[in-house]
N, C-alpha and C. Protein backbone atom coordinates (compact mmCIF):
# COMPACT_ATOMS: atom_id res chain seq x y z
N MET A 1 134.28 -5.96 -16.11
CA MET A 1 135.95 -5.85 -16.88
C MET A 1 136.79 -4.80 -16.55
N ALA A 2 137.89 -4.52 -15.68
CA ALA A 2 138.50 -3.33 -15.51
C ALA A 2 138.99 -2.81 -16.62
N SER A 3 138.35 -1.45 -16.62
CA SER A 3 138.91 -0.10 -17.73
C SER A 3 140.00 -0.07 -17.41
N SER A 4 141.07 0.42 -18.96
CA SER A 4 142.75 0.57 -18.61
C SER A 4 142.82 1.98 -18.32
N SER A 5 143.89 1.92 -17.55
CA SER A 5 143.51 4.07 -17.78
C SER A 5 143.87 4.82 -19.14
N ASN A 6 144.15 4.18 -20.41
CA ASN A 6 143.64 4.67 -21.80
C ASN A 6 142.50 5.19 -22.20
N ASP A 7 141.46 4.13 -21.40
CA ASP A 7 140.05 3.99 -21.21
C ASP A 7 140.13 5.12 -20.58
N TYR A 8 139.89 5.88 -19.20
CA TYR A 8 139.56 6.98 -18.68
C TYR A 8 140.17 8.02 -19.20
N LEU A 9 141.40 8.06 -20.05
CA LEU A 9 142.45 9.12 -20.83
C LEU A 9 141.50 9.84 -21.73
N THR A 10 141.35 8.93 -22.71
CA THR A 10 140.40 8.60 -23.69
C THR A 10 139.06 9.37 -23.24
N LEU A 11 138.04 9.07 -22.38
CA LEU A 11 137.35 9.69 -21.37
C LEU A 11 137.43 10.87 -21.36
N SER A 12 138.03 11.88 -20.52
CA SER A 12 138.52 12.89 -20.54
C SER A 12 139.24 13.53 -21.17
N THR A 13 139.91 13.07 -22.33
CA THR A 13 139.80 14.24 -23.52
C THR A 13 139.28 14.56 -24.21
N TYR A 14 138.44 13.44 -25.07
CA TYR A 14 136.96 13.85 -25.72
C TYR A 14 136.25 14.31 -25.17
N THR A 15 135.70 14.16 -23.96
CA THR A 15 134.81 15.25 -23.04
C THR A 15 135.39 16.67 -23.39
N ALA A 16 136.39 17.03 -22.49
CA ALA A 16 137.22 17.70 -22.64
C ALA A 16 137.27 18.62 -23.47
N ILE A 17 137.83 17.47 -25.34
CA ILE A 17 137.21 18.76 -26.37
C ILE A 17 135.73 18.75 -27.39
N LEU A 18 134.93 18.48 -26.40
CA LEU A 18 133.46 19.07 -26.97
C LEU A 18 132.97 19.86 -26.30
N HIS A 19 133.09 19.40 -24.47
CA HIS A 19 132.87 20.82 -24.25
C HIS A 19 134.14 22.43 -24.72
N ARG A 20 135.05 22.19 -23.95
CA ARG A 20 135.47 23.67 -25.13
C ARG A 20 135.25 23.91 -26.13
N GLN A 21 134.66 23.59 -26.95
CA GLN A 21 133.95 23.48 -28.33
C GLN A 21 133.10 24.58 -28.50
N LEU A 22 131.51 23.39 -27.63
CA LEU A 22 130.86 24.35 -26.81
C LEU A 22 130.84 25.30 -26.42
N GLN A 23 131.57 25.49 -25.33
CA GLN A 23 131.33 27.02 -24.64
C GLN A 23 132.54 27.92 -25.54
N ARG A 24 133.47 27.90 -26.34
CA ARG A 24 134.07 28.35 -27.61
C ARG A 24 132.47 28.67 -28.01
N ASP A 25 131.84 28.26 -28.96
CA ASP A 25 130.78 28.53 -29.77
C ASP A 25 129.43 29.13 -29.07
N MET A 26 129.20 28.64 -28.07
CA MET A 26 128.18 29.58 -27.42
C MET A 26 128.47 30.69 -26.61
N ASN A 27 129.86 30.98 -25.65
CA ASN A 27 130.10 32.77 -26.03
C ASN A 27 130.19 33.72 -26.83
N GLN A 28 130.36 33.09 -28.18
CA GLN A 28 130.28 34.18 -29.12
C GLN A 28 128.98 33.95 -29.89
N LEU A 29 128.12 33.32 -29.48
CA LEU A 29 126.60 33.54 -30.23
C LEU A 29 126.49 34.44 -28.87
N LEU A 30 126.66 33.77 -27.84
CA LEU A 30 126.10 34.83 -26.68
C LEU A 30 126.14 36.49 -26.82
N ILE A 31 128.01 36.90 -27.50
CA ILE A 31 127.66 37.88 -27.68
C ILE A 31 127.32 38.72 -28.39
N LYS A 32 127.33 37.82 -29.71
CA LYS A 32 126.83 38.18 -31.09
C LYS A 32 125.08 38.88 -30.06
N ASP A 33 124.59 37.52 -30.32
CA ASP A 33 122.96 38.23 -29.24
C ASP A 33 122.83 39.45 -28.62
N LYS A 34 124.07 39.78 -27.81
CA LYS A 34 123.67 40.47 -26.69
C LYS A 34 123.70 39.86 -25.16
N LEU A 35 123.96 38.49 -25.03
CA LEU A 35 123.20 38.28 -23.78
C LEU A 35 123.70 38.57 -22.75
N PRO A 36 123.61 39.49 -21.77
CA PRO A 36 125.12 39.55 -20.64
C PRO A 36 124.80 38.87 -19.37
N VAL A 37 125.56 37.32 -20.58
CA VAL A 37 126.14 36.15 -19.41
C VAL A 37 126.60 35.07 -20.17
N ASN A 38 127.99 35.22 -19.62
CA ASN A 38 128.91 33.81 -20.53
C ASN A 38 128.62 32.52 -20.04
N ILE A 39 129.36 30.87 -20.62
CA ILE A 39 128.38 30.02 -20.74
C ILE A 39 128.47 29.93 -19.26
N THR A 40 129.50 30.59 -18.54
CA THR A 40 130.35 29.92 -17.33
C THR A 40 128.58 29.72 -15.91
N GLU A 41 128.88 31.36 -16.20
CA GLU A 41 126.93 32.20 -15.62
C GLU A 41 126.40 31.12 -16.03
N MET A 42 125.64 31.17 -17.64
CA MET A 42 124.87 30.25 -17.71
C MET A 42 124.22 29.14 -17.17
N TYR A 43 125.96 28.29 -17.15
CA TYR A 43 125.52 27.04 -16.16
C TYR A 43 125.23 27.16 -15.33
N LEU A 44 125.17 28.29 -13.87
CA LEU A 44 125.48 28.23 -13.25
C LEU A 44 124.14 28.50 -13.03
N MET A 45 123.41 29.17 -13.96
CA MET A 45 121.82 29.38 -13.76
C MET A 45 121.14 28.02 -14.41
N VAL A 46 121.73 27.39 -15.32
CA VAL A 46 121.21 26.23 -15.30
C VAL A 46 120.44 25.16 -13.76
N LEU A 47 121.35 25.51 -13.35
CA LEU A 47 122.35 24.24 -11.81
C LEU A 47 121.07 25.04 -11.08
N ILE A 48 120.75 26.29 -11.05
CA ILE A 48 120.42 26.50 -9.97
C ILE A 48 118.49 26.84 -10.27
N LEU A 49 118.34 27.19 -11.44
CA LEU A 49 117.11 26.08 -11.74
C LEU A 49 116.63 24.87 -11.57
N GLU A 50 117.87 24.28 -11.62
CA GLU A 50 117.26 22.77 -11.39
C GLU A 50 117.43 21.67 -9.62
N SER A 51 118.33 23.01 -8.97
CA SER A 51 118.02 22.96 -7.70
C SER A 51 117.77 24.29 -6.63
N GLN A 52 116.83 24.23 -7.30
CA GLN A 52 116.01 26.07 -6.71
C GLN A 52 116.22 25.64 -5.20
N PRO A 53 115.86 26.38 -4.22
CA PRO A 53 117.68 27.05 -3.87
C PRO A 53 118.52 26.21 -3.81
N ILE A 54 120.30 26.38 -3.97
CA ILE A 54 120.95 25.93 -4.21
C ILE A 54 121.87 26.80 -2.87
N SER A 55 123.32 26.33 -2.63
CA SER A 55 123.96 27.33 -1.49
C SER A 55 124.87 27.67 -2.49
N GLN A 56 124.79 29.28 -2.63
CA GLN A 56 126.45 29.12 -2.85
C GLN A 56 127.97 28.30 -3.56
N ARG A 57 128.05 27.64 -1.94
CA ARG A 57 129.24 27.55 -2.23
C ARG A 57 128.61 25.74 -2.69
N ARG A 58 127.57 25.06 -2.71
CA ARG A 58 127.55 24.25 -3.29
C ARG A 58 127.64 24.59 -4.64
N ALA A 59 126.98 25.54 -5.29
CA ALA A 59 127.23 25.55 -6.71
C ALA A 59 129.24 25.93 -7.08
N ALA A 60 129.30 26.41 -6.41
CA ALA A 60 131.12 27.00 -6.75
C ALA A 60 131.47 25.26 -6.16
N THR A 61 130.94 24.46 -6.17
CA THR A 61 131.28 22.94 -5.77
C THR A 61 131.60 21.77 -7.10
N THR A 62 130.09 22.11 -7.44
CA THR A 62 129.55 21.41 -8.38
C THR A 62 130.13 22.05 -9.72
N LEU A 63 129.95 23.37 -9.98
CA LEU A 63 130.72 23.18 -10.65
C LEU A 63 132.17 23.87 -10.91
N ALA A 64 132.95 23.36 -10.03
CA ALA A 64 134.61 23.07 -10.26
C ALA A 64 135.08 24.32 -10.05
N VAL A 65 134.71 25.50 -9.82
CA VAL A 65 134.95 27.09 -9.71
C VAL A 65 135.47 27.20 -8.28
N ASP A 66 136.44 28.00 -9.08
CA ASP A 66 136.82 28.76 -6.72
C ASP A 66 136.55 29.43 -6.08
N GLU A 67 135.54 30.03 -4.72
CA GLU A 67 134.99 30.64 -4.30
C GLU A 67 135.19 32.35 -4.87
N GLY A 68 136.39 33.00 -5.56
CA GLY A 68 136.20 34.21 -6.20
C GLY A 68 135.34 34.04 -7.24
N LEU A 69 135.78 33.72 -7.99
CA LEU A 69 134.98 33.37 -10.11
C LEU A 69 133.47 33.24 -9.07
N MET A 70 133.03 32.38 -7.94
CA MET A 70 131.54 32.20 -7.98
C MET A 70 130.90 33.57 -7.69
N THR A 71 131.49 34.17 -6.29
CA THR A 71 131.23 35.08 -5.95
C THR A 71 130.97 36.70 -7.03
N ARG A 72 132.08 36.61 -8.56
CA ARG A 72 132.44 37.51 -9.27
C ARG A 72 130.67 37.74 -10.20
N MET A 73 130.69 35.81 -10.44
CA MET A 73 129.61 35.95 -11.06
C MET A 73 128.12 35.79 -10.68
N VAL A 74 127.59 35.45 -9.56
CA VAL A 74 126.98 35.91 -8.21
C VAL A 74 126.74 37.15 -8.40
N LYS A 75 127.53 38.38 -8.01
CA LYS A 75 127.52 39.40 -7.95
C LYS A 75 126.51 40.25 -9.37
N HIS A 76 127.49 39.88 -10.60
CA HIS A 76 127.16 39.89 -11.99
C HIS A 76 125.34 40.17 -12.02
N LEU A 77 125.15 38.54 -12.00
CA LEU A 77 124.12 37.98 -12.61
C LEU A 77 122.79 38.41 -11.46
N LYS A 78 123.36 38.89 -9.99
CA LYS A 78 122.48 40.27 -9.19
C LYS A 78 122.50 41.45 -9.03
N GLU A 79 122.93 41.84 -10.28
CA GLU A 79 122.83 43.41 -10.75
C GLU A 79 122.55 43.42 -11.99
N ILE A 80 122.44 42.35 -12.93
CA ILE A 80 121.17 42.48 -13.68
C ILE A 80 119.74 42.00 -13.29
N LYS A 81 119.97 41.22 -12.23
CA LYS A 81 118.34 40.77 -11.60
C LYS A 81 118.06 39.66 -12.49
N LEU A 82 118.73 38.41 -12.78
CA LEU A 82 118.78 37.80 -13.10
C LEU A 82 118.25 36.03 -11.60
N ILE A 83 119.39 36.31 -10.61
CA ILE A 83 119.20 36.28 -10.03
C ILE A 83 118.43 36.53 -8.46
N ASN A 84 118.24 35.34 -7.44
CA ASN A 84 119.02 36.07 -5.53
C ASN A 84 119.24 35.18 -5.04
N LYS A 85 119.93 36.27 -4.10
CA LYS A 85 120.72 35.96 -3.06
C LYS A 85 119.94 36.15 -1.92
N ILE A 86 119.57 35.19 -0.80
CA ILE A 86 119.11 35.05 0.35
C ILE A 86 120.17 34.17 1.16
N SER A 87 119.79 34.78 2.61
CA SER A 87 120.29 33.41 3.23
C SER A 87 119.15 33.04 3.85
N SER A 88 119.43 31.47 3.71
CA SER A 88 119.25 30.52 4.27
C SER A 88 118.38 30.42 5.43
N TYR A 89 116.82 30.38 5.97
CA TYR A 89 116.50 30.44 6.69
C TYR A 89 116.69 29.50 7.58
N LYS A 90 117.67 28.62 7.18
CA LYS A 90 117.90 27.51 8.10
C LYS A 90 119.37 27.70 9.20
N ASP A 91 119.98 28.60 8.47
CA ASP A 91 121.35 29.12 9.09
C ASP A 91 121.67 29.98 7.65
N LYS A 92 121.81 31.70 8.56
CA LYS A 92 121.56 32.95 7.90
C LYS A 92 122.85 32.82 7.19
N ARG A 93 124.39 32.26 7.44
CA ARG A 93 125.46 32.20 7.01
C ARG A 93 125.47 31.63 6.08
N VAL A 94 124.88 30.78 5.57
CA VAL A 94 124.50 30.00 4.45
C VAL A 94 123.56 31.08 3.27
N LYS A 95 124.01 31.51 2.14
CA LYS A 95 123.41 32.13 1.04
C LYS A 95 122.95 30.69 -0.65
N GLU A 96 121.23 31.21 -0.35
CA GLU A 96 121.18 30.60 -1.48
C GLU A 96 120.45 31.49 -2.76
N LEU A 97 120.73 30.45 -3.69
CA LEU A 97 120.44 31.48 -5.46
C LEU A 97 119.82 30.27 -5.61
N THR A 98 118.74 31.73 -6.30
CA THR A 98 117.31 31.09 -6.83
C THR A 98 116.98 32.11 -8.05
N LEU A 99 116.57 31.19 -8.95
CA LEU A 99 116.11 32.52 -10.83
C LEU A 99 115.22 33.53 -10.46
N THR A 100 115.29 34.81 -11.13
CA THR A 100 114.12 35.84 -11.01
C THR A 100 113.70 35.47 -12.31
N LYS A 101 112.16 35.91 -12.65
CA LYS A 101 111.34 35.54 -13.24
C LYS A 101 112.66 36.25 -14.94
N ASP A 102 113.25 36.83 -14.56
CA ASP A 102 113.20 37.68 -15.71
C ASP A 102 115.14 36.39 -16.45
N GLY A 103 115.70 36.25 -15.30
CA GLY A 103 116.37 34.65 -15.13
C GLY A 103 116.13 34.25 -16.00
N GLU A 104 114.79 33.53 -14.96
CA GLU A 104 114.02 32.43 -16.62
C GLU A 104 113.90 32.27 -17.87
N LYS A 105 113.74 33.00 -18.20
CA LYS A 105 113.26 33.71 -19.33
C LYS A 105 114.64 34.18 -20.19
N LEU A 106 115.83 34.91 -19.65
CA LEU A 106 116.93 34.38 -20.77
C LEU A 106 117.47 33.71 -20.20
N LEU A 107 117.61 32.53 -19.54
CA LEU A 107 117.98 31.24 -19.13
C LEU A 107 117.53 30.55 -20.53
N GLU A 108 115.70 30.62 -20.68
CA GLU A 108 115.67 30.10 -22.61
C GLU A 108 115.87 30.43 -23.23
N SER A 109 116.13 31.71 -23.43
CA SER A 109 116.64 31.70 -24.51
C SER A 109 118.43 31.52 -24.79
N ALA A 110 119.00 31.26 -23.88
CA ALA A 110 120.45 30.76 -24.05
C ALA A 110 120.07 29.33 -24.32
N LEU A 111 119.41 29.07 -23.12
CA LEU A 111 119.19 27.41 -24.21
C LEU A 111 119.10 27.09 -25.12
N SER A 112 118.21 27.75 -26.09
CA SER A 112 117.27 27.39 -27.52
C SER A 112 118.66 27.56 -28.45
N LYS A 113 119.63 28.91 -28.30
CA LYS A 113 120.76 28.55 -28.60
C LYS A 113 121.54 27.15 -28.57
N PHE A 114 121.68 26.91 -27.15
CA PHE A 114 122.38 25.88 -26.90
C PHE A 114 121.63 24.62 -27.97
N ASP A 115 120.48 24.35 -28.05
CA ASP A 115 119.71 23.65 -28.17
C ASP A 115 119.78 23.13 -30.03
N ARG A 116 119.99 24.75 -30.63
CA ARG A 116 120.53 24.98 -31.95
C ARG A 116 121.40 24.93 -32.71
N TRP A 117 123.24 25.01 -31.34
CA TRP A 117 124.46 24.21 -31.52
C TRP A 117 123.78 22.70 -31.78
N TRP A 118 123.69 22.01 -31.11
CA TRP A 118 123.54 20.61 -30.70
C TRP A 118 122.69 20.40 -31.87
N GLU A 119 121.20 20.91 -32.93
CA GLU A 119 120.99 20.38 -34.18
C GLU A 119 121.65 20.72 -35.23
N ASP A 120 122.48 21.06 -35.13
CA ASP A 120 123.82 21.06 -36.39
C ASP A 120 124.36 19.87 -36.53
N PHE A 121 124.59 18.80 -35.37
CA PHE A 121 124.94 17.51 -35.72
C PHE A 121 124.12 16.76 -35.30
N THR A 122 123.03 16.97 -35.39
CA THR A 122 121.75 16.00 -35.48
C THR A 122 121.96 14.80 -36.23
N PRO A 123 122.03 15.00 -37.87
CA PRO A 123 122.07 14.72 -38.69
C PRO A 123 123.42 13.43 -38.27
N ASP A 124 124.66 13.70 -38.26
CA ASP A 124 125.79 13.18 -37.81
C ASP A 124 125.52 12.42 -36.53
N LEU A 125 124.68 12.84 -35.57
CA LEU A 125 124.56 11.63 -34.33
C LEU A 125 123.50 10.16 -34.50
N ALA A 126 122.18 10.33 -35.62
CA ALA A 126 121.86 9.31 -35.40
C ALA A 126 122.19 8.65 -34.77
N GLY A 127 123.57 7.51 -35.35
CA GLY A 127 123.96 6.45 -34.40
C GLY A 127 123.97 6.21 -32.80
N HIS A 128 124.07 7.09 -32.49
CA HIS A 128 124.49 7.63 -31.41
C HIS A 128 123.12 7.37 -30.61
N ASP A 129 123.14 6.98 -28.90
CA ASP A 129 122.38 7.29 -28.07
C ASP A 129 122.32 8.33 -26.94
N ILE A 130 122.36 9.86 -26.83
CA ILE A 130 122.58 10.60 -26.51
C ILE A 130 122.25 10.66 -25.07
N ASN A 131 120.89 10.35 -24.96
CA ASN A 131 120.32 9.80 -23.86
C ASN A 131 120.64 8.48 -22.86
N ASP A 132 121.58 7.95 -23.74
CA ASP A 132 122.51 6.81 -22.79
C ASP A 132 123.37 7.65 -22.45
N LEU A 133 123.98 8.09 -23.72
CA LEU A 133 125.40 9.08 -22.70
C LEU A 133 125.35 10.09 -22.04
N GLY A 134 124.20 10.45 -21.95
CA GLY A 134 123.39 11.08 -21.08
C GLY A 134 123.68 10.48 -19.53
N ARG A 135 122.96 9.66 -19.23
CA ARG A 135 122.92 9.36 -17.96
C ARG A 135 124.14 8.59 -17.61
N GLU A 136 124.95 8.35 -18.73
CA GLU A 136 125.91 7.82 -17.89
C GLU A 136 126.94 8.70 -17.18
N LEU A 137 127.13 9.27 -18.64
CA LEU A 137 127.90 10.96 -17.32
C LEU A 137 127.65 11.15 -16.39
N PHE A 138 126.28 11.27 -16.49
CA PHE A 138 125.70 11.75 -14.56
C PHE A 138 126.15 10.66 -14.49
N GLU A 139 126.02 9.72 -14.09
CA GLU A 139 126.35 8.97 -12.87
C GLU A 139 127.76 8.43 -12.68
N ILE A 140 128.28 8.78 -13.85
CA ILE A 140 130.25 9.17 -13.19
C ILE A 140 130.35 10.69 -12.34
N SER A 141 129.47 11.61 -13.32
CA SER A 141 129.42 12.97 -12.25
C SER A 141 128.92 12.00 -10.85
N LYS A 142 127.90 12.23 -10.32
CA LYS A 142 127.49 11.61 -9.06
C LYS A 142 128.77 10.97 -8.43
N ILE A 143 129.26 10.12 -9.04
CA ILE A 143 130.62 9.01 -8.11
C ILE A 143 131.10 9.76 -8.24
N VAL A 144 131.91 10.94 -8.93
CA VAL A 144 132.79 11.52 -8.42
C VAL A 144 132.57 13.01 -8.16
N LEU A 145 131.84 13.29 -7.80
CA LEU A 145 131.07 15.16 -6.27
C LEU A 145 131.13 13.78 -5.37
N ALA A 146 130.12 12.93 -5.39
CA ALA A 146 130.46 11.74 -4.09
C ALA A 146 131.55 12.39 -3.91
N GLN A 147 133.08 10.74 -4.46
CA GLN A 147 133.68 11.38 -3.62
C GLN A 147 134.51 12.18 -3.26
N ARG A 148 134.77 13.12 -4.35
CA ARG A 148 135.79 14.36 -3.58
C ARG A 148 135.51 15.26 -3.15
N HIS A 149 133.65 15.21 -3.00
CA HIS A 149 133.37 16.60 -2.10
C HIS A 149 132.11 15.77 -1.45
N ASN A 150 131.71 14.42 -1.02
CA ASN A 150 130.71 14.28 -0.13
C ASN A 150 129.24 14.39 -0.59
N MET A 151 129.69 14.66 -1.80
CA MET A 151 128.60 15.68 -2.32
C MET A 151 127.33 15.28 -3.06
N PRO A 152 125.98 14.78 -3.52
CA PRO A 152 125.15 14.24 -4.15
C PRO A 152 124.84 14.74 -4.83
N LEU A 153 124.54 14.94 -6.56
CA LEU A 153 124.47 15.62 -7.60
C LEU A 153 122.68 14.82 -7.78
N ASN A 154 122.27 16.15 -8.12
CA ASN A 154 120.78 15.65 -8.46
C ASN A 154 119.97 16.77 -9.62
N ASN A 155 119.58 15.91 -10.61
CA ASN A 155 119.04 16.66 -11.90
C ASN A 155 117.70 15.80 -12.00
N SER A 156 116.78 16.69 -12.16
CA SER A 156 115.70 16.83 -12.21
C SER A 156 115.78 16.37 -14.29
N ARG A 157 116.32 16.86 -14.84
CA ARG A 157 116.55 16.96 -16.18
C ARG A 157 116.95 15.62 -16.82
N VAL A 158 117.82 14.55 -15.93
CA VAL A 158 118.32 13.48 -16.49
C VAL A 158 116.88 12.03 -16.04
N GLU A 159 116.82 11.94 -17.08
CA GLU A 159 115.13 10.84 -17.19
C GLU A 159 115.75 9.49 -16.79
N GLU A 160 114.87 8.52 -15.97
CA GLU A 160 115.62 7.82 -15.30
C GLU A 160 115.12 6.56 -16.62
N SER A 161 115.62 5.16 -16.00
CA SER A 161 115.68 4.80 -17.37
C SER A 161 114.93 3.34 -17.25
């Protein structure tokens, strides 16, 4: 049975609301704890961790940020020694990103704050299977990236059912 356009609007609206709430709260927590990254940089670091190495261009496309913002984020994360940026051995024009040990440590700390944010809602989410929802959103994301950017999405954190 085909979904109506209202179903897609509902999915998009509530995904955006959830994301914006998380983004606002996480940025406040990161500032409060004096961590030198924002949530978008944290998303980049997670993407790098899951895809090491990943090209700077592919990271920009996956996160849907423009090349200018990606360049600024990479510059900032390199300056504070959280990521490395090197030329690909296959094509020197392609810049690949990897996390440093300090980047891995900072990400672990930042992700613990992320986990605590979600833990506040755990009792109210008892009737929902977050793993199933995550798998479904991952599959939808794969389709969008493949069709819009001819790019597969790989993620080792999504468990196969």
